[in-house]
Amino acid sequence: MKIKHFADTDTLYIELKNATVADTRDIDEDTLVEYDTQGNLCAITIEHARQRADFPQFSFEQVAS
């Protein structure tokens, strides 16, 4: 997983897995989701990230099962 923030456009790009994008869908005016050739979600793009999320606060927690 990779998370990139493009400061010049305030765009947050969350790549869930490295895959060839076969389809992109608009969730709303500022949110796009991308799917691979098997229909699996592989990335999310969020425009105006600072306005829409608690950015740059970021936390990652892996919970053992």
Protein backbone atom coordinates (compact mmCIF):
# COMPACT_ATOMS: atom_id res chain seq x y z
CA MET A 1 0.00 0.00 0.00
CA LYS A 2 1.22 3.48 -0.84
CA ILE A 3 -0.24 6.83 0.15
CA LYS A 4 0.80 9.96 -1.73
CA HIS A 5 -0.21 13.58 -1.21
CA PHE A 6 0.28 16.01 -4.08
CA ALA A 7 0.52 19.39 -2.32
CA ASP A 8 0.15 21.47 -5.49
CA THR A 9 -3.33 20.06 -6.17
CA ASP A 10 -4.16 18.90 -2.60
CA THR A 11 -4.84 15.43 -3.96
CA LEU A 12 -4.53 12.32 -1.82
CA TYR A 13 -3.83 9.08 -3.72
CA ILE A 14 -4.18 5.79 -1.86
CA GLU A 15 -2.83 2.83 -3.81
CA LEU A 16 -4.09 -0.36 -2.21
CA LYS A 17 -2.16 -2.62 -4.55
CA ASN A 18 0.06 -2.23 -7.58
CA ALA A 19 -2.18 -3.28 -10.45
CA THR A 20 -3.20 -2.23 -13.93
CA VAL A 21 -6.23 0.04 -13.67
CA ALA A 22 -9.05 -1.17 -15.90
CA ASP A 23 -11.92 1.01 -14.66
CA THR A 24 -12.28 4.33 -12.82
CA ARG A 25 -15.54 5.38 -11.21
CA ASP A 26 -16.65 8.66 -9.65
CA ILE A 27 -18.03 8.28 -6.14
CA ASP A 28 -18.72 12.00 -5.96
CA GLU A 29 -17.29 15.15 -7.53
CA ASP A 30 -13.99 14.83 -5.63
CA THR A 31 -13.58 11.08 -5.07
CA LEU A 32 -12.52 8.47 -7.61
CA VAL A 33 -12.05 4.73 -7.16
CA GLU A 34 -10.03 2.52 -9.48
CA TYR A 35 -10.48 -1.17 -10.18
CA ASP A 36 -8.15 -3.74 -11.73
CA THR A 37 -8.99 -6.13 -14.56
CA GLN A 38 -10.64 -8.59 -12.13
CA GLY A 39 -12.86 -5.86 -10.65
CA ASN A 40 -10.89 -5.56 -7.41
CA LEU A 41 -10.47 -2.13 -5.82
CA CYS A 42 -6.86 -1.01 -6.27
CA ALA A 43 -6.80 2.78 -5.60
CA ILE A 44 -8.73 5.76 -4.25
CA THR A 45 -8.19 9.41 -5.23
CA ILE A 46 -9.46 12.20 -2.95
CA GLU A 47 -9.42 15.79 -4.21
CA HIS A 48 -9.30 18.69 -1.71
CA ALA A 49 -7.88 16.29 0.88
CA ARG A 50 -7.12 18.90 3.53
CA GLN A 51 -10.75 20.09 3.53
CA ARG A 52 -12.27 16.61 3.51
CA ALA A 53 -10.12 14.70 5.99
CA ASP A 54 -8.12 15.17 9.15
CA PHE A 55 -5.02 15.61 7.04
CA PRO A 56 -2.07 15.36 7.70
CA GLN A 57 -2.98 13.31 10.80
CA PHE A 58 -2.30 9.71 9.89
CA SER A 59 -2.27 6.55 11.94
CA PHE A 60 -1.63 2.95 10.97
CA GLU A 61 -2.35 0.06 13.28
CA GLN A 62 -2.00 -3.62 12.50
CA VAL A 63 -4.14 -5.70 14.80
CA ALA A 64 -3.11 -9.29 15.46
CA SER A 65 -5.83 -11.88 15.03
